[in-house]
């Protein structure tokens, strides 16, 4: 998750054709997989990854906004189990990024 000018959460995203899935929130494994696939289609992001080494670090925003142990700002009960959502986000993250598998047994972030 990148902050500031030119990052993933850019205020100019719509004008640049980079608005993710127009209003669709990621909840299921399929949702998270599609979002990562969408990001990876961006030519500028591809160029960045081709030109520089990147260090992937799990962040609460990989799941939902302002995530904590048992929920998130934008997770509602009618969306299903938060633990299922967290597992889906972690699975997609490990599928799309060059990290070891099964790194989320305790869901802790070490920085």
PDB file of N, CA and C in Angstrom:
ATOM      1  N   UNK A   1       0.861  -1.160   0.000  1.00  0.00           N
ATOM      2  CA  UNK A   1       0.000   0.000   0.000  1.00  0.00           C
ATOM      3  C   UNK A   1       0.903   1.216   0.000  1.00  0.00           C
ATOM      4  N   UNK A   2       0.751   2.054  -0.978  1.00  0.00           N
ATOM      5  CA  UNK A   2       1.597   3.237  -1.115  1.00  0.00           C
ATOM      6  C   UNK A   2       0.816   4.482  -0.730  1.00  0.00           C
ATOM      7  N   UNK A   3       1.455   5.369  -0.024  1.00  0.00           N
ATOM      8  CA  UNK A   3       0.835   6.629   0.362  1.00  0.00           C
ATOM      9  C   UNK A   3       1.463   7.780  -0.409  1.00  0.00           C
ATOM     10  N   UNK A   4       0.713   8.858  -0.564  1.00  0.00           N
ATOM     11  CA  UNK A   4       1.264  10.059  -1.175  1.00  0.00           C
ATOM     12  C   UNK A   4       1.137  10.072  -2.678  1.00  0.00           C
ATOM     13  N   UNK A   5       1.701  11.096  -3.269  1.00  0.00           N
ATOM     14  CA  UNK A   5       1.603  11.313  -4.715  1.00  0.00           C
ATOM     15  C   UNK A   5       2.082  10.093  -5.483  1.00  0.00           C
ATOM     16  N   UNK A   6       1.251   9.654  -6.403  1.00  0.00           N
ATOM     17  CA  UNK A   6       1.615   8.531  -7.255  1.00  0.00           C
ATOM     18  C   UNK A   6       1.386   7.166  -6.641  1.00  0.00           C
ATOM     19  N   UNK A   7       0.884   7.092  -5.414  1.00  0.00           N
ATOM     20  CA  UNK A   7       0.664   5.809  -4.758  1.00  0.00           C
ATOM     21  C   UNK A   7      -0.615   5.142  -5.213  1.00  0.00           C
ATOM     22  N   UNK A   8      -0.856   3.940  -4.701  1.00  0.00           N
ATOM     23  CA  UNK A   8      -2.053   3.190  -5.076  1.00  0.00           C
ATOM     24  C   UNK A   8      -3.324   3.942  -4.691  1.00  0.00           C
ATOM     25  N   UNK A   9      -3.334   4.558  -3.539  1.00  0.00           N
ATOM     26  CA  UNK A   9      -4.518   5.283  -3.069  1.00  0.00           C
ATOM     27  C   UNK A   9      -4.403   6.756  -3.456  1.00  0.00           C
ATOM     28  N   UNK A  10      -4.343   7.003  -4.718  1.00  0.00           N
ATOM     29  CA  UNK A  10      -4.104   8.344  -5.239  1.00  0.00           C
ATOM     30  C   UNK A  10      -5.418   9.055  -5.508  1.00  0.00           C
ATOM     31  N   UNK A  11      -5.494  10.324  -5.128  1.00  0.00           N
ATOM     32  CA  UNK A  11      -6.708  11.112  -5.362  1.00  0.00           C
ATOM     33  C   UNK A  11      -6.989  11.319  -6.848  1.00  0.00           C
ATOM     34  N   UNK A  12      -5.994  11.114  -7.691  1.00  0.00           N
ATOM     35  CA  UNK A  12      -6.170  11.249  -9.142  1.00  0.00           C
ATOM     36  C   UNK A  12      -6.437   9.906  -9.820  1.00  0.00           C
ATOM     37  N   UNK A  13      -6.711   8.869  -9.053  1.00  0.00           N
ATOM     38  CA  UNK A  13      -6.843   7.517  -9.603  1.00  0.00           C
ATOM     39  C   UNK A  13      -7.887   7.427 -10.712  1.00  0.00           C
ATOM     40  N   UNK A  14      -9.048   8.013 -10.504  1.00  0.00           N
ATOM     41  CA  UNK A  14     -10.105   7.921 -11.514  1.00  0.00           C
ATOM     42  C   UNK A  14      -9.685   8.589 -12.818  1.00  0.00           C
ATOM     43  N   UNK A  15      -9.110   9.785 -12.727  1.00  0.00           N
ATOM     44  CA  UNK A  15      -8.680  10.511 -13.926  1.00  0.00           C
ATOM     45  C   UNK A  15      -7.579   9.763 -14.675  1.00  0.00           C
ATOM     46  N   UNK A  16      -6.777   8.992 -13.948  1.00  0.00           N
ATOM     47  CA  UNK A  16      -5.681   8.236 -14.560  1.00  0.00           C
ATOM     48  C   UNK A  16      -6.112   6.846 -15.033  1.00  0.00           C
ATOM     49  N   UNK A  17      -7.408   6.524 -14.838  1.00  0.00           N
ATOM     50  CA  UNK A  17      -7.884   5.198 -15.215  1.00  0.00           C
ATOM     51  C   UNK A  17      -7.409   4.111 -14.285  1.00  0.00           C
ATOM     52  N   UNK A  18      -7.159   4.472 -13.022  1.00  0.00           N
ATOM     53  CA  UNK A  18      -6.617   3.512 -12.051  1.00  0.00           C
ATOM     54  C   UNK A  18      -7.546   3.285 -10.869  1.00  0.00           C
ATOM     55  N   UNK A  19      -8.807   3.586 -11.024  1.00  0.00           N
ATOM     56  CA  UNK A  19      -9.741   3.381  -9.920  1.00  0.00           C
ATOM     57  C   UNK A  19     -10.061   1.893  -9.828  1.00  0.00           C
ATOM     58  N   UNK A  20      -9.772   1.263  -8.694  1.00  0.00           N
ATOM     59  CA  UNK A  20      -9.975  -0.179  -8.597  1.00  0.00           C
ATOM     60  C   UNK A  20     -11.444  -0.578  -8.528  1.00  0.00           C
ATOM     61  N   UNK A  21     -11.859  -1.416  -9.430  1.00  0.00           N
ATOM     62  CA  UNK A  21     -13.170  -2.074  -9.425  1.00  0.00           C
ATOM     63  C   UNK A  21     -14.336  -1.180  -9.036  1.00  0.00           C
ATOM     64  N   UNK A  22     -14.327   0.008  -9.440  1.00  0.00           N
ATOM     65  CA  UNK A  22     -15.356   1.026  -9.210  1.00  0.00           C
ATOM     66  C   UNK A  22     -16.396   0.677  -8.133  1.00  0.00           C
ATOM     67  N   UNK A  23     -16.070   1.010  -6.906  1.00  0.00           N
ATOM     68  CA  UNK A  23     -17.015   0.877  -5.810  1.00  0.00           C
ATOM     69  C   UNK A  23     -17.174  -0.525  -5.251  1.00  0.00           C
ATOM     70  N   UNK A  24     -16.407  -1.474  -5.725  1.00  0.00           N
ATOM     71  CA  UNK A  24     -16.531  -2.843  -5.239  1.00  0.00           C
ATOM     72  C   UNK A  24     -15.518  -3.080  -4.130  1.00  0.00           C
ATOM     73  N   UNK A  25     -16.019  -3.472  -2.981  1.00  0.00           N
ATOM     74  CA  UNK A  25     -15.150  -3.770  -1.847  1.00  0.00           C
ATOM     75  C   UNK A  25     -14.720  -5.231  -1.906  1.00  0.00           C
ATOM     76  N   UNK A  26     -13.491  -5.509  -1.594  1.00  0.00           N
ATOM     77  CA  UNK A  26     -12.997  -6.889  -1.569  1.00  0.00           C
ATOM     78  C   UNK A  26     -13.454  -7.575  -0.285  1.00  0.00           C
ATOM     79  N   UNK A  27     -14.087  -8.736  -0.442  1.00  0.00           N
ATOM     80  CA  UNK A  27     -14.547  -9.515   0.708  1.00  0.00           C
ATOM     81  C   UNK A  27     -14.133 -10.975   0.571  1.00  0.00           C
ATOM     82  N   UNK A  28     -14.285 -11.538  -0.622  1.00  0.00           N
ATOM     83  CA  UNK A  28     -13.992 -12.953  -0.855  1.00  0.00           C
ATOM     84  C   UNK A  28     -12.593 -13.133  -1.446  1.00  0.00           C
ATOM     85  N   UNK A  29     -12.126 -14.378  -1.450  1.00  0.00           N
ATOM     86  CA  UNK A  29     -10.831 -14.676  -2.055  1.00  0.00           C
ATOM     87  C   UNK A  29     -10.823 -14.259  -3.518  1.00  0.00           C
ATOM     88  N   UNK A  30     -11.904 -14.516  -4.237  1.00  0.00           N
ATOM     89  CA  UNK A  30     -11.992 -14.115  -5.639  1.00  0.00           C
ATOM     90  C   UNK A  30     -11.875 -12.598  -5.786  1.00  0.00           C
ATOM     91  N   UNK A  31     -12.525 -11.850  -4.883  1.00  0.00           N
ATOM     92  CA  UNK A  31     -12.433 -10.380  -4.913  1.00  0.00           C
ATOM     93  C   UNK A  31     -10.981  -9.918  -4.774  1.00  0.00           C
ATOM     94  N   UNK A  32     -10.284 -10.464  -3.775  1.00  0.00           N
ATOM     95  CA  UNK A  32      -8.892 -10.059  -3.532  1.00  0.00           C
ATOM     96  C   UNK A  32      -7.988 -10.460  -4.696  1.00  0.00           C
ATOM     97  N   UNK A  33      -8.212 -11.642  -5.259  1.00  0.00           N
ATOM     98  CA  UNK A  33      -7.417 -12.070  -6.415  1.00  0.00           C
ATOM     99  C   UNK A  33      -7.614 -11.124  -7.595  1.00  0.00           C
ATOM    100  N   UNK A  34      -8.857 -10.746  -7.846  1.00  0.00           N
ATOM    101  CA  UNK A  34      -9.144  -9.838  -8.960  1.00  0.00           C
ATOM    102  C   UNK A  34      -8.502  -8.472  -8.742  1.00  0.00           C
ATOM    103  N   UNK A  35      -8.492  -7.980  -7.497  1.00  0.00           N
ATOM    104  CA  UNK A  35      -7.888  -6.675  -7.212  1.00  0.00           C
ATOM    105  C   UNK A  35      -6.386  -6.708  -7.474  1.00  0.00           C
ATOM    106  N   UNK A  36      -5.703  -7.763  -6.986  1.00  0.00           N
ATOM    107  CA  UNK A  36      -4.267  -7.869  -7.258  1.00  0.00           C
ATOM    108  C   UNK A  36      -4.008  -7.969  -8.754  1.00  0.00           C
ATOM    109  N   UNK A  37      -4.822  -8.748  -9.467  1.00  0.00           N
ATOM    110  CA  UNK A  37      -4.662  -8.872 -10.922  1.00  0.00           C
ATOM    111  C   UNK A  37      -4.860  -7.522 -11.598  1.00  0.00           C
ATOM    112  N   UNK A  38      -5.824  -6.755 -11.117  1.00  0.00           N
ATOM    113  CA  UNK A  38      -6.080  -5.430 -11.695  1.00  0.00           C
ATOM    114  C   UNK A  38      -4.885  -4.508 -11.473  1.00  0.00           C
ATOM    115  N   UNK A  39      -4.356  -4.479 -10.268  1.00  0.00           N
ATOM    116  CA  UNK A  39      -3.190  -3.634  -9.997  1.00  0.00           C
ATOM    117  C   UNK A  39      -2.014  -4.007 -10.897  1.00  0.00           C
ATOM    118  N   UNK A  40      -1.813  -5.315 -11.091  1.00  0.00           N
ATOM    119  CA  UNK A  40      -0.657  -5.776 -11.862  1.00  0.00           C
ATOM    120  C   UNK A  40      -0.774  -5.480 -13.353  1.00  0.00           C
ATOM    121  N   UNK A  41      -1.936  -5.041 -13.825  1.00  0.00           N
ATOM    122  CA  UNK A  41      -2.102  -4.654 -15.226  1.00  0.00           C
ATOM    123  C   UNK A  41      -1.572  -3.251 -15.501  1.00  0.00           C
ATOM    124  N   UNK A  42      -1.325  -2.476 -14.469  1.00  0.00           N
ATOM    125  CA  UNK A  42      -0.877  -1.098 -14.629  1.00  0.00           C
ATOM    126  C   UNK A  42       0.560  -1.068 -15.162  1.00  0.00           C
ATOM    127  N   UNK A  43       0.739  -0.451 -16.316  1.00  0.00           N
ATOM    128  CA  UNK A  43       2.058  -0.419 -16.968  1.00  0.00           C
ATOM    129  C   UNK A  43       3.114   0.279 -16.112  1.00  0.00           C
ATOM    130  N   UNK A  44       2.732   1.347 -15.417  1.00  0.00           N
ATOM    131  CA  UNK A  44       3.700   2.049 -14.573  1.00  0.00           C
ATOM    132  C   UNK A  44       4.132   1.192 -13.389  1.00  0.00           C
ATOM    133  N   UNK A  45       3.201   0.462 -12.813  1.00  0.00           N
ATOM    134  CA  UNK A  45       3.554  -0.425 -11.705  1.00  0.00           C
ATOM    135  C   UNK A  45       4.454  -1.558 -12.200  1.00  0.00           C
ATOM    136  N   UNK A  46       4.168  -2.083 -13.379  1.00  0.00           N
ATOM    137  CA  UNK A  46       5.028  -3.116 -13.961  1.00  0.00           C
ATOM    138  C   UNK A  46       6.448  -2.588 -14.165  1.00  0.00           C
ATOM    139  N   UNK A  47       6.558  -1.369 -14.654  1.00  0.00           N
ATOM    140  CA  UNK A  47       7.879  -0.765 -14.871  1.00  0.00           C
ATOM    141  C   UNK A  47       8.613  -0.574 -13.544  1.00  0.00           C
ATOM    142  N   UNK A  48       7.888  -0.148 -12.522  1.00  0.00           N
ATOM    143  CA  UNK A  48       8.488   0.023 -11.199  1.00  0.00           C
ATOM    144  C   UNK A  48       9.054  -1.298 -10.696  1.00  0.00           C
ATOM    145  N   UNK A  49       8.244  -2.352 -10.747  1.00  0.00           N
ATOM    146  CA  UNK A  49       8.695  -3.658 -10.265  1.00  0.00           C
ATOM    147  C   UNK A  49       9.836  -4.222 -11.103  1.00  0.00           C
ATOM    148  N   UNK A  50       9.880  -3.872 -12.367  1.00  0.00           N
ATOM    149  CA  UNK A  50      10.959  -4.348 -13.237  1.00  0.00           C
ATOM    150  C   UNK A  50      12.269  -3.608 -12.982  1.00  0.00           C
ATOM    151  N   UNK A  51      12.181  -2.386 -12.479  1.00  0.00           N
ATOM    152  CA  UNK A  51      13.383  -1.565 -12.351  1.00  0.00           C
ATOM    153  C   UNK A  51      13.993  -1.531 -10.952  1.00  0.00           C
ATOM    154  N   UNK A  52      13.215  -1.864  -9.941  1.00  0.00           N
ATOM    155  CA  UNK A  52      13.701  -1.757  -8.563  1.00  0.00           C
ATOM    156  C   UNK A  52      13.288  -2.967  -7.737  1.00  0.00           C
ATOM    157  N   UNK A  53      14.094  -3.330  -6.755  1.00  0.00           N
ATOM    158  CA  UNK A  53      13.654  -4.390  -5.843  1.00  0.00           C
ATOM    159  C   UNK A  53      12.541  -3.858  -4.946  1.00  0.00           C
ATOM    160  N   UNK A  54      11.612  -4.722  -4.611  1.00  0.00           N
ATOM    161  CA  UNK A  54      10.499  -4.328  -3.753  1.00  0.00           C
ATOM    162  C   UNK A  54      10.480  -5.255  -2.541  1.00  0.00           C
ATOM    163  N   UNK A  55      10.182  -4.714  -1.379  1.00  0.00           N
ATOM    164  CA  UNK A  55      10.052  -5.513  -0.168  1.00  0.00           C
ATOM    165  C   UNK A  55       8.578  -5.541   0.196  1.00  0.00           C
ATOM    166  N   UNK A  56       7.998  -6.726   0.197  1.00  0.00           N
ATOM    167  CA  UNK A  56       6.574  -6.882   0.496  1.00  0.00           C
ATOM    168  C   UNK A  56       6.383  -7.056   1.994  1.00  0.00           C
ATOM    169  N   UNK A  57       5.566  -6.197   2.597  1.00  0.00           N
ATOM    170  CA  UNK A  57       5.245  -6.271   4.017  1.00  0.00           C
ATOM    171  C   UNK A  57       3.734  -6.218   4.156  1.00  0.00           C
ATOM    172  N   UNK A  58       3.176  -7.208   4.848  1.00  0.00           N
ATOM    173  CA  UNK A  58       1.746  -7.243   5.122  1.00  0.00           C
ATOM    174  C   UNK A  58       1.351  -5.998   5.905  1.00  0.00           C
ATOM    175  N   UNK A  59       0.212  -5.441   5.571  1.00  0.00           N
ATOM    176  CA  UNK A  59      -0.289  -4.228   6.207  1.00  0.00           C
ATOM    177  C   UNK A  59      -1.784  -4.409   6.421  1.00  0.00           C
ATOM    178  N   UNK A  60      -2.355  -3.738   7.411  1.00  0.00           N
ATOM    179  CA  UNK A  60      -3.794  -3.894   7.655  1.00  0.00           C
ATOM    180  C   UNK A  60      -4.633  -3.532   6.437  1.00  0.00           C
ATOM    181  N   UNK A  61      -4.132  -2.662   5.578  1.00  0.00           N
ATOM    182  CA  UNK A  61      -4.888  -2.252   4.396  1.00  0.00           C
ATOM    183  C   UNK A  61      -4.927  -3.333   3.317  1.00  0.00           C
ATOM    184  N   UNK A  62      -4.155  -4.399   3.471  1.00  0.00           N
ATOM    185  CA  UNK A  62      -4.256  -5.520   2.533  1.00  0.00           C
ATOM    186  C   UNK A  62      -5.597  -6.221   2.698  1.00  0.00           C
ATOM    187  N   UNK A  63      -6.238  -5.996   3.809  1.00  0.00           N
ATOM    188  CA  UNK A  63      -7.493  -6.656   4.157  1.00  0.00           C
ATOM    189  C   UNK A  63      -8.678  -5.708   4.042  1.00  0.00           C
ATOM    190  N   UNK A  64      -8.650  -4.639   4.797  1.00  0.00           N
ATOM    191  CA  UNK A  64      -9.726  -3.644   4.820  1.00  0.00           C
ATOM    192  C   UNK A  64      -9.170  -2.412   5.519  1.00  0.00           C
ATOM    193  N   UNK A  65      -9.891  -1.330   5.457  1.00  0.00           N
ATOM    194  CA  UNK A  65      -9.402  -0.102   6.077  1.00  0.00           C
ATOM    195  C   UNK A  65      -9.428  -0.205   7.598  1.00  0.00           C
ATOM    196  N   UNK A  66      -8.339   0.187   8.215  1.00  0.00           N
ATOM    197  CA  UNK A  66      -8.212   0.227   9.673  1.00  0.00           C
ATOM    198  C   UNK A  66      -8.608  -1.095  10.330  1.00  0.00           C
ATOM    199  N   UNK A  67      -7.942  -2.148   9.917  1.00  0.00           N
ATOM    200  CA  UNK A  67      -8.193  -3.486  10.448  1.00  0.00           C
ATOM    201  C   UNK A  67      -7.586  -3.622  11.837  1.00  0.00           C
ATOM    202  N   UNK A  68      -8.283  -4.336  12.698  1.00  0.00           N
ATOM    203  CA  UNK A  68      -7.750  -4.707  14.003  1.00  0.00           C
ATOM    204  C   UNK A  68      -7.990  -6.200  14.177  1.00  0.00           C
ATOM    205  N   UNK A  69      -7.673  -6.749  15.329  1.00  0.00           N
ATOM    206  CA  UNK A  69      -7.694  -8.196  15.540  1.00  0.00           C
ATOM    207  C   UNK A  69      -9.016  -8.853  15.143  1.00  0.00           C
ATOM    208  N   UNK A  70     -10.130  -8.273  15.497  1.00  0.00           N
ATOM    209  CA  UNK A  70     -11.424  -8.920  15.273  1.00  0.00           C
ATOM    210  C   UNK A  70     -12.362  -8.148  14.361  1.00  0.00           C
ATOM    211  N   UNK A  71     -11.852  -7.247  13.564  1.00  0.00           N
ATOM    212  CA  UNK A  71     -12.735  -6.492  12.682  1.00  0.00           C
ATOM    213  C   UNK A  71     -11.993  -5.419  11.916  1.00  0.00           C
ATOM    214  N   UNK A  72     -12.781  -4.591  11.249  1.00  0.00           N
ATOM    215  CA  UNK A  72     -12.229  -3.484  10.472  1.00  0.00           C
ATOM    216  C   UNK A  72     -13.288  -2.401  10.364  1.00  0.00           C
ATOM    217  N   UNK A  73     -12.829  -1.192  10.116  1.00  0.00           N
ATOM    218  CA  UNK A  73     -13.733  -0.053  10.004  1.00  0.00           C
ATOM    219  C   UNK A  73     -14.868  -0.338   9.021  1.00  0.00           C
ATOM    220  N   UNK A  74     -14.555  -0.956   7.900  1.00  0.00           N
ATOM    221  CA  UNK A  74     -15.569  -1.152   6.869  1.00  0.00           C
ATOM    222  C   UNK A  74     -16.028  -2.605   6.730  1.00  0.00           C
ATOM    223  N   UNK A  75     -15.860  -3.431   7.757  1.00  0.00           N
ATOM    224  CA  UNK A  75     -16.400  -4.798   7.701  1.00  0.00           C
ATOM    225  C   UNK A  75     -17.694  -4.849   8.505  1.00  0.00           C
ATOM    226  N   UNK A  76     -18.746  -5.316   7.851  1.00  0.00           N
ATOM    227  CA  UNK A  76     -20.062  -5.415   8.488  1.00  0.00           C
ATOM    228  C   UNK A  76     -20.425  -6.890   8.676  1.00  0.00           C
ATOM    229  N   UNK A  77     -21.238  -7.189   9.689  1.00  0.00           N
ATOM    230  CA  UNK A  77     -21.629  -8.577   9.966  1.00  0.00           C
ATOM    231  C   UNK A  77     -22.259  -9.261   8.767  1.00  0.00           C
ATOM    232  N   UNK A  78     -23.074  -8.529   7.997  1.00  0.00           N
ATOM    233  CA  UNK A  78     -23.761  -9.131   6.847  1.00  0.00           C
ATOM    234  C   UNK A  78     -22.793  -9.527   5.722  1.00  0.00           C
ATOM    235  N   UNK A  79     -21.528  -9.107   5.828  1.00  0.00           N
ATOM    236  CA  UNK A  79     -20.518  -9.481   4.837  1.00  0.00           C
ATOM    237  C   UNK A  79     -19.896 -10.844   5.136  1.00  0.00           C
ATOM    238  N   UNK A  80     -20.304 -11.461   6.227  1.00  0.00           N
ATOM    239  CA  UNK A  80     -19.784 -12.777   6.584  1.00  0.00           C
ATOM    240  C   UNK A  80     -18.751 -12.707   7.690  1.00  0.00           C
ATOM    241  N   UNK A  81     -18.081 -13.816   7.896  1.00  0.00           N
ATOM    242  CA  UNK A  81     -17.092 -13.943   8.953  1.00  0.00           C
ATOM    243  C   UNK A  81     -15.861 -13.080   8.669  1.00  0.00           C
ATOM    244  N   UNK A  82     -15.446 -12.321   9.676  1.00  0.00           N
ATOM    245  CA  UNK A  82     -14.238 -11.521   9.511  1.00  0.00           C
ATOM    246  C   UNK A  82     -13.015 -12.424   9.381  1.00  0.00           C
ATOM    247  N   UNK A  83     -13.007 -13.540  10.108  1.00  0.00           N
ATOM    248  CA  UNK A  83     -11.871 -14.466  10.011  1.00  0.00           C
ATOM    249  C   UNK A  83     -11.752 -15.053   8.610  1.00  0.00           C
ATOM    250  N   UNK A  84     -12.890 -15.343   7.957  1.00  0.00           N
ATOM    251  CA  UNK A  84     -12.855 -15.839   6.576  1.00  0.00           C
ATOM    252  C   UNK A  84     -12.311 -14.766   5.640  1.00  0.00           C
ATOM    253  N   UNK A  85     -12.731 -13.528   5.869  1.00  0.00           N
ATOM    254  CA  UNK A  85     -12.256 -12.423   5.032  1.00  0.00           C
ATOM    255  C   UNK A  85     -10.750 -12.240   5.199  1.00  0.00           C
ATOM    256  N   UNK A  86     -10.293 -12.291   6.445  1.00  0.00           N
ATOM    257  CA  UNK A  86      -8.862 -12.146   6.723  1.00  0.00           C
ATOM    258  C   UNK A  86      -8.065 -13.269   6.059  1.00  0.00           C
ATOM    259  N   UNK A  87      -8.574 -14.489   6.127  1.00  0.00           N
ATOM    260  CA  UNK A  87      -7.893 -15.625   5.495  1.00  0.00           C
ATOM    261  C   UNK A  87      -7.855 -15.459   3.977  1.00  0.00           C
ATOM    262  N   UNK A  88      -8.932 -14.942   3.391  1.00  0.00           N
ATOM    263  CA  UNK A  88      -8.984 -14.717   1.937  1.00  0.00           C
ATOM    264  C   UNK A  88      -7.954 -13.675   1.519  1.00  0.00           C
ATOM    265  N   UNK A  89      -7.870 -12.585   2.264  1.00  0.00           N
ATOM    266  CA  UNK A  89      -6.905 -11.527   1.945  1.00  0.00           C
ATOM    267  C   UNK A  89      -5.475 -12.044   2.062  1.00  0.00           C
ATOM    268  N   UNK A  90      -5.200 -12.819   3.106  1.00  0.00           N
ATOM    269  CA  UNK A  90      -3.854 -13.367   3.300  1.00  0.00           C
ATOM    270  C   UNK A  90      -3.503 -14.354   2.194  1.00  0.00           C
ATOM    271  N   UNK A  91      -4.463 -15.171   1.784  1.00  0.00           N
ATOM    272  CA  UNK A  91      -4.208 -16.145   0.717  1.00  0.00           C
ATOM    273  C   UNK A  91      -3.874 -15.437  -0.593  1.00  0.00           C
ATOM    274  N   UNK A  92      -4.655 -14.430  -0.953  1.00  0.00           N
ATOM    275  CA  UNK A  92      -4.393 -13.689  -2.198  1.00  0.00           C
ATOM    276  C   UNK A  92      -3.044 -12.982  -2.126  1.00  0.00           C
ATOM    277  N   UNK A  93      -2.724 -12.415  -0.979  1.00  0.00           N
ATOM    278  CA  UNK A  93      -1.449 -11.710  -0.812  1.00  0.00           C
ATOM    279  C   UNK A  93      -0.283 -12.652  -1.064  1.00  0.00           C
ATOM    280  N   UNK A  94      -0.351 -13.862  -0.466  1.00  0.00           N
ATOM    281  CA  UNK A  94       0.757 -14.805  -0.650  1.00  0.00           C
ATOM    282  C   UNK A  94       0.805 -15.359  -2.069  1.00  0.00           C
ATOM    283  N   UNK A  95      -0.334 -15.408  -2.757  1.00  0.00           N
ATOM    284  CA  UNK A  95      -0.350 -15.870  -4.145  1.00  0.00           C
ATOM    285  C   UNK A  95       0.298 -14.854  -5.088  1.00  0.00           C
ATOM    286  N   UNK A  96       0.102 -13.573  -4.810  1.00  0.00           N
ATOM    287  CA  UNK A  96       0.538 -12.530  -5.741  1.00  0.00           C
ATOM    288  C   UNK A  96       1.895 -11.927  -5.421  1.00  0.00           C
ATOM    289  N   UNK A  97       2.417 -12.153  -4.222  1.00  0.00           N
ATOM    290  CA  UNK A  97       3.688 -11.533  -3.849  1.00  0.00           C
ATOM    291  C   UNK A  97       4.743 -12.595  -3.566  1.00  0.00           C
ATOM    292  N   UNK A  98       6.006 -12.268  -3.797  1.00  0.00           N
ATOM    293  CA  UNK A  98       7.078 -13.250  -3.619  1.00  0.00           C
ATOM    294  C   UNK A  98       7.434 -13.446  -2.147  1.00  0.00           C
ATOM    295  N   UNK A  99       6.591 -14.201  -1.449  1.00  0.00           N
ATOM    296  CA  UNK A  99       6.805 -14.469  -0.027  1.00  0.00           C
ATOM    297  C   UNK A  99       6.671 -15.971   0.214  1.00  0.00           C
ATOM    298  N   UNK A 100       7.153 -16.407   1.359  1.00  0.00           N
ATOM    299  CA  UNK A 100       7.004 -17.813   1.733  1.00  0.00           C
ATOM    300  C   UNK A 100       5.539 -18.118   2.008  1.00  0.00           C
ATOM    301  N   UNK A 101       5.130 -19.331   1.695  1.00  0.00           N
ATOM    302  CA  UNK A 101       3.759 -19.730   1.995  1.00  0.00           C
ATOM    303  C   UNK A 101       3.605 -19.976   3.489  1.00  0.00           C
ATOM    304  N   UNK A 102       2.361 -19.952   3.946  1.00  0.00           N
ATOM    305  CA  UNK A 102       2.019 -20.209   5.343  1.00  0.00           C
ATOM    306  C   UNK A 102       2.692 -19.238   6.306  1.00  0.00           C
ATOM    307  N   UNK A 103       2.823 -17.995   5.908  1.00  0.00           N
ATOM    308  CA  UNK A 103       3.436 -16.999   6.780  1.00  0.00           C
ATOM    309  C   UNK A 103       2.411 -16.328   7.689  1.00  0.00           C
ATOM    310  N   UNK A 104       1.151 -16.737   7.596  1.00  0.00           N
ATOM    311  CA  UNK A 104       0.103 -16.037   8.335  1.00  0.00           C
ATOM    312  C   UNK A 104      -0.530 -16.880   9.430  1.00  0.00           C
ATOM    313  N   UNK A 105       0.204 -17.815  10.003  1.00  0.00           N
ATOM    314  CA  UNK A 105      -0.377 -18.671  11.029  1.00  0.00           C
ATOM    315  C   UNK A 105      -0.841 -17.877  12.246  1.00  0.00           C
ATOM    316  N   UNK A 106      -0.172 -16.786  12.565  1.00  0.00           N
ATOM    317  CA  UNK A 106      -0.583 -15.982  13.715  1.00  0.00           C
ATOM    318  C   UNK A 106      -0.981 -14.555  13.329  1.00  0.00           C
ATOM    319  N   UNK A 107      -0.906 -14.222  12.051  1.00  0.00           N
ATOM    320  CA  UNK A 107      -1.324 -12.928  11.514  1.00  0.00           C
ATOM    321  C   UNK A 107      -0.593 -11.738  12.132  1.00  0.00           C
ATOM    322  N   UNK A 108       0.606 -11.942  12.643  1.00  0.00           N
ATOM    323  CA  UNK A 108       1.383 -10.842  13.201  1.00  0.00           C
ATOM    324  C   UNK A 108       2.235 -10.191  12.121  1.00  0.00           C
ATOM    325  N   UNK A 109       2.480  -8.904  12.278  1.00  0.00           N
ATOM    326  CA  UNK A 109       3.327  -8.162  11.357  1.00  0.00           C
ATOM    327  C   UNK A 109       4.621  -7.822  12.086  1.00  0.00           C
ATOM    328  N   UNK A 110       5.747  -8.194  11.506  1.00  0.00           N
ATOM    329  CA  UNK A 110       7.046  -7.842  12.070  1.00  0.00           C
ATOM    330  C   UNK A 110       7.695  -6.841  11.137  1.00  0.00           C
ATOM    331  N   UNK A 111       8.027  -5.666  11.637  1.00  0.00           N
ATOM    332  CA  UNK A 111       8.648  -4.639  10.796  1.00  0.00           C
ATOM    333  C   UNK A 111       9.992  -4.277  11.370  1.00  0.00           C
TER     334      UNK A 111
END
